[in-house]
Amino acid sequence: MKRIDTATRATDLFGPGKHGFKDGNPLTGDPSTTLSASMFNHLQEEIARAVEAGGAPLDPTKYDQLATVLGLAVRSAGASGYFGLPGGLLLQWGTATFTDPGSGLGASYSTVAVTVPFPRPFSAAPWVVLVTGADAGEGLEHTYGLAGKAADQCAIRAGRVAGGQGGGEVGSFNWLALGQT
């Protein structure tokens, strides 16, 4: 990257050696900053190379390529959502519920597979899916594990050591997935 270096620059505008642009004043004869091909070429190449380094070809019909490469164009915040990260990474999260299919009381154990669709598909199965319980006070009674994963969804196996109820109890868990956009 380079700072403006034409003769009409605003010298040291942002500190020593950090030149900037100025409007000029025609009444006093102070010219505005003139732009040079060198400055525009540097600016163009800084942006173009960032887009290309992110793995995308330059596309004159798109106006968000730099934002996309920086991860700024990919986001949807909420209880379930996703956020693009630099380098083409995609972080997604959410909460899902399940109903305990068990029928026994006491020390019985039952499991159910819960399919969780991702808010936005990954380009391939995510590298990692983390799961944790979302129900207060149920941490010792429920277990969670990854049963499978694909680009558009994952399967979580939710287990429950039956307590005082004989099945039909609703539980919930939080999940977090990281992969490639």
Foldseek 3Di string as FASTA:
>chain_A
DDADDDPLWQAQPVHHPHTHWDCADVVVPRHTDDHDPVVVVVVVCVQQVLLVVLPDHDDPVDDCSSCVQQFNVAWDDDQWIWTAHHSQKIKTKHKDKDWFAFADEDQDKGKDKDKAFHPDFAPWWFPDKDKAWDDPPCRVFKDKDWPATTRGITIIIIMGRHYGHGIRDMTMMMMMTMHGD
